[in-house]
Amino acid sequence: MRGYLAIVQKELKSYFVSPLAYVVIFLFVLITGIFFYLYLSSFIRYAMQVALQAQYYRSMAPKLNINQMVIRYLFGNMSVFALFWLPLITMRSFAEEKKMGTIELLFTSPIKNSQTVLGKFTASLIIFVIMLALTFIYMIFLMVYGNPEIPPILTGYLGLFLIGTVYIAFGLFFSSITENQIIAAVATFGMILLFWVMGWIGNFVGPDTAEILRNLSIIEHFDDFAKGVIDTKHIVYYLSFAFFGVFLTYLSLESNRWRV
C-alpha cells in the first residue's frame, strides 16, 4: 500500500510541477464554459420566444426542460473534450520514464508493477476528477438561477467519470509501449476514436453486426447517463474496459522488466 501511495504522490507532484496539468485543466474548463454559455443562451432565447408566442395566442406555454436542452448536450460535448485532453495527461506517464531512463529505477525498486500502474492510474484519475469538479460551477449557477433536475446531473457526471477511466487506462497502456509522448497521445486518441465511431459504422452493416458494434461503442453507453438513466450494463462495460486497459499496461511493464 505504501508503494501505491508513493507513486500517486509522486505523479501528482510531477503533474503540478510542470505547466501541463494547469494548461489542460484550464482549457477543459474554458471550452466547457464556452459551450455552456452557448447552450444556455440558446435555451433562454427559445424560452422567450415560446413565452411571447403563448402570450400572443393566449395559450399555455409548454414546459421547457433545461436538463434535456442544455445539460444533456453539454455532457455529450464534455465527453468529447475529455477525448482530446486526457491523452495529454497520460502520454507522459511511462513514456517520459523510458526516455529519461528512470523506468529502470522503478523496475529495481521494491514497488510492484501492479502498484506502479494503479498509482499512475489513480493520479491521472484525480486530475480528471479536478477537471470535472471545476465544471460543476456551471451546474451550481443553474441551480441558483434555474430549476434543473439534480439526479440527471449526478448521473451525467458519473458517466463522465466512467468514460474517463477508459481514456486514462488506454492512455497508460500506449504510454507504456513507447518512449515518445506524442505517439502515445495520438495512439490513445486513435484507439478511443475507433470505439467512438463503431455505433456509426453499425448503420452500414447488417442488423446483427450493427448490434454488436453498438454494444462496443463507447458513446452509445454514455447516452443513458446523459439522460439521467443508470443501467448496470453500462457501468460494467466501462469498468471492464478500464480494467482491460490497466491489465494490458501491467503486462507491458512485466515484459519490460524481464528485458531489463
Protein backbone atom coordinates (compact mmCIF):
# COMPACT_ATOMS: atom_id res chain seq x y z
CA MET A 1 0.00 0.00 0.00
CA ARG A 2 2.88 2.37 0.78
CA GLY A 3 4.34 1.84 -2.67
CA TYR A 4 0.99 2.61 -4.30
CA LEU A 5 0.54 5.82 -2.30
CA ALA A 6 4.14 6.84 -3.02
CA ILE A 7 3.51 6.53 -6.77
CA VAL A 8 0.27 8.52 -6.52
CA GLN A 9 2.02 11.30 -4.61
CA LYS A 10 5.00 11.32 -6.97
CA GLU A 11 2.79 11.50 -10.06
CA LEU A 12 0.61 14.30 -8.69
CA LYS A 13 3.71 16.33 -7.83
CA SER A 14 5.13 15.81 -11.31
CA TYR A 15 1.86 16.93 -12.90
CA PHE A 16 1.71 20.19 -11.00
CA VAL A 17 5.43 20.97 -11.18
CA SER A 18 5.10 21.29 -14.96
CA PRO A 19 2.53 23.59 -16.60
CA LEU A 20 0.88 20.66 -18.44
CA ALA A 21 -1.77 19.91 -15.82
CA TYR A 22 -2.64 23.59 -15.38
CA VAL A 23 -2.97 24.11 -19.14
CA VAL A 24 -5.11 21.02 -19.69
CA ILE A 25 -7.40 21.79 -16.74
CA PHE A 26 -7.75 25.44 -17.77
CA LEU A 27 -8.55 24.64 -21.40
CA PHE A 28 -11.03 21.91 -20.45
CA VAL A 29 -12.90 24.23 -18.09
CA LEU A 30 -12.72 27.17 -20.50
CA ILE A 31 -14.03 25.27 -23.53
CA THR A 32 -16.73 23.64 -21.40
CA GLY A 33 -17.71 27.09 -20.15
CA ILE A 34 -17.96 28.47 -23.69
CA PHE A 35 -20.30 25.66 -24.75
CA PHE A 36 -22.30 26.05 -21.53
CA TYR A 37 -22.80 29.75 -22.33
CA LEU A 38 -23.82 29.00 -25.92
CA TYR A 39 -26.32 26.29 -24.95
CA LEU A 40 -27.77 28.36 -22.12
CA SER A 41 -28.10 31.47 -24.31
CA SER A 42 -29.88 29.44 -26.97
CA PHE A 43 -32.20 27.97 -24.34
CA ILE A 44 -33.06 31.42 -22.92
CA ARG A 45 -33.80 32.83 -26.39
CA TYR A 46 -36.01 29.88 -27.22
CA ALA A 47 -37.83 30.13 -23.88
CA MET A 48 -38.53 33.84 -24.51
CA GLN A 49 -39.89 33.10 -27.99
CA VAL A 50 -42.16 30.37 -26.61
CA ALA A 51 -43.42 32.70 -23.86
CA LEU A 52 -44.14 35.50 -26.34
CA GLN A 53 -45.99 33.16 -28.69
CA ALA A 54 -48.05 31.78 -25.83
CA GLN A 55 -48.91 35.31 -24.70
CA TYR A 56 -49.80 36.36 -28.26
CA TYR A 57 -52.03 33.36 -28.92
CA ARG A 58 -53.30 33.34 -25.31
CA SER A 59 -52.33 29.73 -24.83
CA MET A 60 -50.39 27.79 -22.21
CA ALA A 61 -46.61 27.88 -22.80
CA PRO A 62 -45.07 24.39 -22.93
CA LYS A 63 -42.76 23.47 -20.05
CA LEU A 64 -39.15 23.51 -21.20
CA ASN A 65 -36.65 21.04 -19.74
CA ILE A 66 -33.26 22.62 -19.16
CA ASN A 67 -31.73 19.21 -18.45
CA GLN A 68 -32.65 17.91 -21.88
CA MET A 69 -31.94 21.11 -23.79
CA VAL A 70 -28.73 22.28 -22.09
CA ILE A 71 -27.15 19.86 -19.63
CA ARG A 72 -27.53 16.71 -21.72
CA TYR A 73 -25.79 18.29 -24.73
CA LEU A 74 -23.14 19.83 -22.51
CA PHE A 75 -22.28 16.42 -21.04
CA GLY A 76 -22.04 14.97 -24.54
CA ASN A 77 -19.55 17.66 -25.50
CA MET A 78 -17.59 17.18 -22.29
CA SER A 79 -17.08 13.51 -23.16
CA VAL A 80 -15.60 14.68 -26.48
CA PHE A 81 -13.36 17.28 -24.81
CA ALA A 82 -12.02 14.59 -22.46
CA LEU A 83 -11.11 12.52 -25.52
CA PHE A 84 -8.80 15.33 -26.67
CA TRP A 85 -7.29 16.34 -23.32
CA LEU A 86 -6.86 13.16 -21.27
CA PRO A 87 -4.33 11.61 -23.69
CA LEU A 88 -2.17 14.67 -22.99
CA ILE A 89 -2.31 13.84 -19.29
CA THR A 90 -1.45 10.15 -19.68
CA MET A 91 1.09 10.41 -22.50
CA ARG A 92 3.99 11.17 -20.17
CA SER A 93 3.19 8.51 -17.54
CA PHE A 94 5.61 5.85 -18.77
CA ALA A 95 6.97 7.35 -21.99
CA GLU A 96 8.83 10.05 -20.06
CA GLU A 97 10.19 7.46 -17.61
CA LYS A 98 11.58 5.48 -20.54
CA LYS A 99 13.07 8.49 -22.26
CA MET A 100 14.74 9.75 -19.07
CA GLY A 101 15.92 6.28 -18.08
CA THR A 102 14.11 6.38 -14.73
CA ILE A 103 11.97 3.38 -15.69
CA GLU A 104 14.86 1.15 -14.59
CA LEU A 105 14.66 2.63 -11.11
CA LEU A 106 11.02 1.56 -10.94
CA PHE A 107 11.90 -1.97 -12.00
CA THR A 108 14.68 -2.28 -9.43
CA SER A 109 12.68 -0.68 -6.59
CA PRO A 110 10.63 -2.76 -4.12
CA ILE A 111 7.44 -1.29 -5.60
CA LYS A 112 5.43 -3.87 -7.53
CA ASN A 113 4.41 -3.24 -11.12
CA SER A 114 0.76 -3.51 -10.09
CA GLN A 115 1.28 -0.70 -7.56
CA THR A 116 3.04 1.41 -10.18
CA VAL A 117 0.25 1.00 -12.71
CA LEU A 118 -2.55 1.60 -10.20
CA GLY A 119 -0.70 4.57 -8.71
CA LYS A 120 -0.27 6.28 -12.07
CA PHE A 121 -3.86 5.42 -13.00
CA THR A 122 -5.17 6.93 -9.76
CA ALA A 123 -3.10 10.10 -10.13
CA SER A 124 -4.39 10.68 -13.67
CA LEU A 125 -7.93 9.98 -12.48
CA ILE A 126 -7.55 12.54 -9.70
CA ILE A 127 -6.58 15.15 -12.30
CA PHE A 128 -9.71 14.29 -14.28
CA VAL A 129 -11.89 14.50 -11.16
CA ILE A 130 -10.49 18.00 -10.54
CA MET A 131 -11.40 18.93 -14.12
CA LEU A 132 -14.96 17.67 -13.64
CA ALA A 133 -15.31 19.29 -10.22
CA LEU A 134 -14.42 22.71 -11.62
CA THR A 135 -17.11 22.41 -14.30
CA PHE A 136 -19.68 21.79 -11.55
CA ILE A 137 -19.60 25.56 -11.04
CA TYR A 138 -21.82 25.81 -14.12
CA MET A 139 -24.33 23.40 -12.56
CA ILE A 140 -24.37 25.46 -9.35
CA PHE A 141 -25.15 28.52 -11.47
CA LEU A 142 -28.15 26.70 -12.96
CA MET A 143 -29.31 25.60 -9.51
CA VAL A 144 -29.20 29.18 -8.25
CA TYR A 145 -30.90 30.84 -11.22
CA GLY A 146 -32.87 27.94 -12.67
CA ASN A 147 -34.61 24.76 -11.68
CA PRO A 148 -32.73 21.80 -13.13
CA GLU A 149 -33.30 18.22 -12.02
CA ILE A 150 -30.40 17.14 -9.78
CA PRO A 151 -30.37 13.33 -10.39
CA PRO A 152 -29.67 13.62 -14.17
CA ILE A 153 -26.77 15.97 -13.38
CA LEU A 154 -25.25 13.46 -10.96
CA THR A 155 -25.71 10.54 -13.34
CA GLY A 156 -24.15 12.59 -16.12
CA TYR A 157 -21.06 13.20 -14.01
CA LEU A 158 -20.95 9.51 -13.11
CA GLY A 159 -20.96 8.68 -16.82
CA LEU A 160 -18.17 11.19 -17.48
CA PHE A 161 -16.12 9.71 -14.64
CA LEU A 162 -16.55 6.18 -16.01
CA ILE A 163 -15.74 7.15 -19.59
CA GLY A 164 -12.68 8.97 -18.25
CA THR A 165 -11.43 5.76 -16.63
CA VAL A 166 -11.40 4.13 -20.07
CA TYR A 167 -9.50 7.01 -21.68
CA ILE A 168 -6.92 7.00 -18.89
CA ALA A 169 -6.48 3.22 -18.81
CA PHE A 170 -5.65 3.01 -22.50
CA GLY A 171 -3.62 6.20 -22.33
CA LEU A 172 -1.38 4.48 -19.78
CA PHE A 173 -1.11 1.40 -21.96
CA PHE A 174 0.06 3.27 -25.03
CA SER A 175 2.43 5.32 -22.90
CA SER A 176 3.93 2.08 -21.58
CA ILE A 177 4.83 0.74 -25.03
CA THR A 178 6.68 3.79 -26.37
CA GLU A 179 9.08 6.45 -25.18
CA ASN A 180 7.60 9.08 -27.50
CA GLN A 181 4.88 11.06 -25.73
CA ILE A 182 3.33 12.35 -28.96
CA ILE A 183 2.98 8.82 -30.32
CA ALA A 184 1.39 7.72 -27.03
CA ALA A 185 -1.16 10.57 -27.16
CA VAL A 186 -2.03 10.06 -30.83
CA ALA A 187 -2.33 6.28 -30.44
CA THR A 188 -4.65 6.73 -27.46
CA PHE A 189 -6.79 9.23 -29.35
CA GLY A 190 -6.97 6.99 -32.44
CA MET A 191 -7.87 3.86 -30.49
CA ILE A 192 -10.60 5.56 -28.45
CA LEU A 193 -11.93 7.32 -31.55
CA LEU A 194 -12.27 3.92 -33.24
CA PHE A 195 -14.54 2.74 -30.44
CA TRP A 196 -16.45 6.02 -30.68
CA VAL A 197 -17.41 5.56 -34.31
CA MET A 198 -18.40 1.90 -34.04
CA GLY A 199 -22.01 2.86 -33.45
CA TRP A 200 -21.94 4.99 -36.60
CA ILE A 201 -20.32 2.17 -38.60
CA GLY A 202 -23.21 -0.02 -37.49
CA ASN A 203 -25.50 1.98 -39.79
CA PHE A 204 -23.77 0.47 -42.81
CA VAL A 205 -23.80 -3.23 -41.87
CA GLY A 206 -26.36 -5.91 -41.13
CA PRO A 207 -28.61 -5.74 -38.05
CA ASP A 208 -26.74 -8.42 -36.09
CA THR A 209 -23.32 -6.87 -36.70
CA ALA A 210 -24.75 -3.40 -36.04
CA GLU A 211 -25.99 -4.51 -32.62
CA ILE A 212 -22.54 -5.85 -31.73
CA LEU A 213 -20.86 -2.63 -32.85
CA ARG A 214 -23.32 -0.51 -30.88
CA ASN A 215 -22.60 -2.56 -27.76
CA LEU A 216 -18.88 -1.94 -28.26
CA SER A 217 -19.28 1.78 -28.94
CA ILE A 218 -18.13 3.98 -26.06
CA ILE A 219 -20.57 6.81 -26.74
CA GLU A 220 -23.60 4.52 -27.06
CA HIS A 221 -23.17 3.51 -23.42
CA PHE A 222 -22.82 7.15 -22.34
CA ASP A 223 -26.13 8.40 -23.75
CA ASP A 224 -28.23 6.93 -20.94
CA PHE A 225 -26.07 8.62 -18.29
CA ALA A 226 -26.55 11.98 -20.05
CA LYS A 227 -30.32 11.35 -19.99
CA GLY A 228 -30.25 10.62 -16.26
CA VAL A 229 -30.60 6.83 -16.56
CA ILE A 230 -28.31 4.42 -14.70
CA ASP A 231 -28.05 0.98 -16.25
CA THR A 232 -25.69 -1.57 -14.68
CA LYS A 233 -24.68 -2.92 -18.10
CA HIS A 234 -23.16 0.46 -18.95
CA ILE A 235 -21.26 0.56 -15.65
CA VAL A 236 -19.98 -2.98 -16.21
CA TYR A 237 -18.94 -2.06 -19.76
CA TYR A 238 -16.83 0.92 -18.71
CA LEU A 239 -15.28 -0.80 -15.69
CA SER A 240 -14.44 -3.88 -17.76
CA PHE A 241 -12.93 -1.72 -20.50
CA ALA A 242 -10.86 0.23 -17.96
CA PHE A 243 -9.71 -2.96 -16.22
CA PHE A 244 -8.62 -4.39 -19.57
CA GLY A 245 -6.55 -1.29 -20.31
CA VAL A 246 -4.92 -1.37 -16.87
CA PHE A 247 -4.21 -5.08 -17.24
CA LEU A 248 -2.55 -4.54 -20.63
CA THR A 249 -0.38 -1.84 -19.05
CA TYR A 250 0.64 -4.26 -16.30
CA LEU A 251 1.57 -6.92 -18.88
CA SER A 252 3.58 -4.34 -20.80
CA LEU A 253 5.54 -3.41 -17.67
CA GLU A 254 6.14 -7.04 -16.82
CA SER A 255 7.58 -7.68 -20.27
CA ASN A 256 9.80 -4.62 -19.97
CA ARG A 257 11.03 -5.74 -16.54
CA TRP A 258 12.21 -9.05 -17.97
CA ARG A 259 14.07 -7.24 -20.75
CA VAL A 260 15.82 -5.08 -18.19
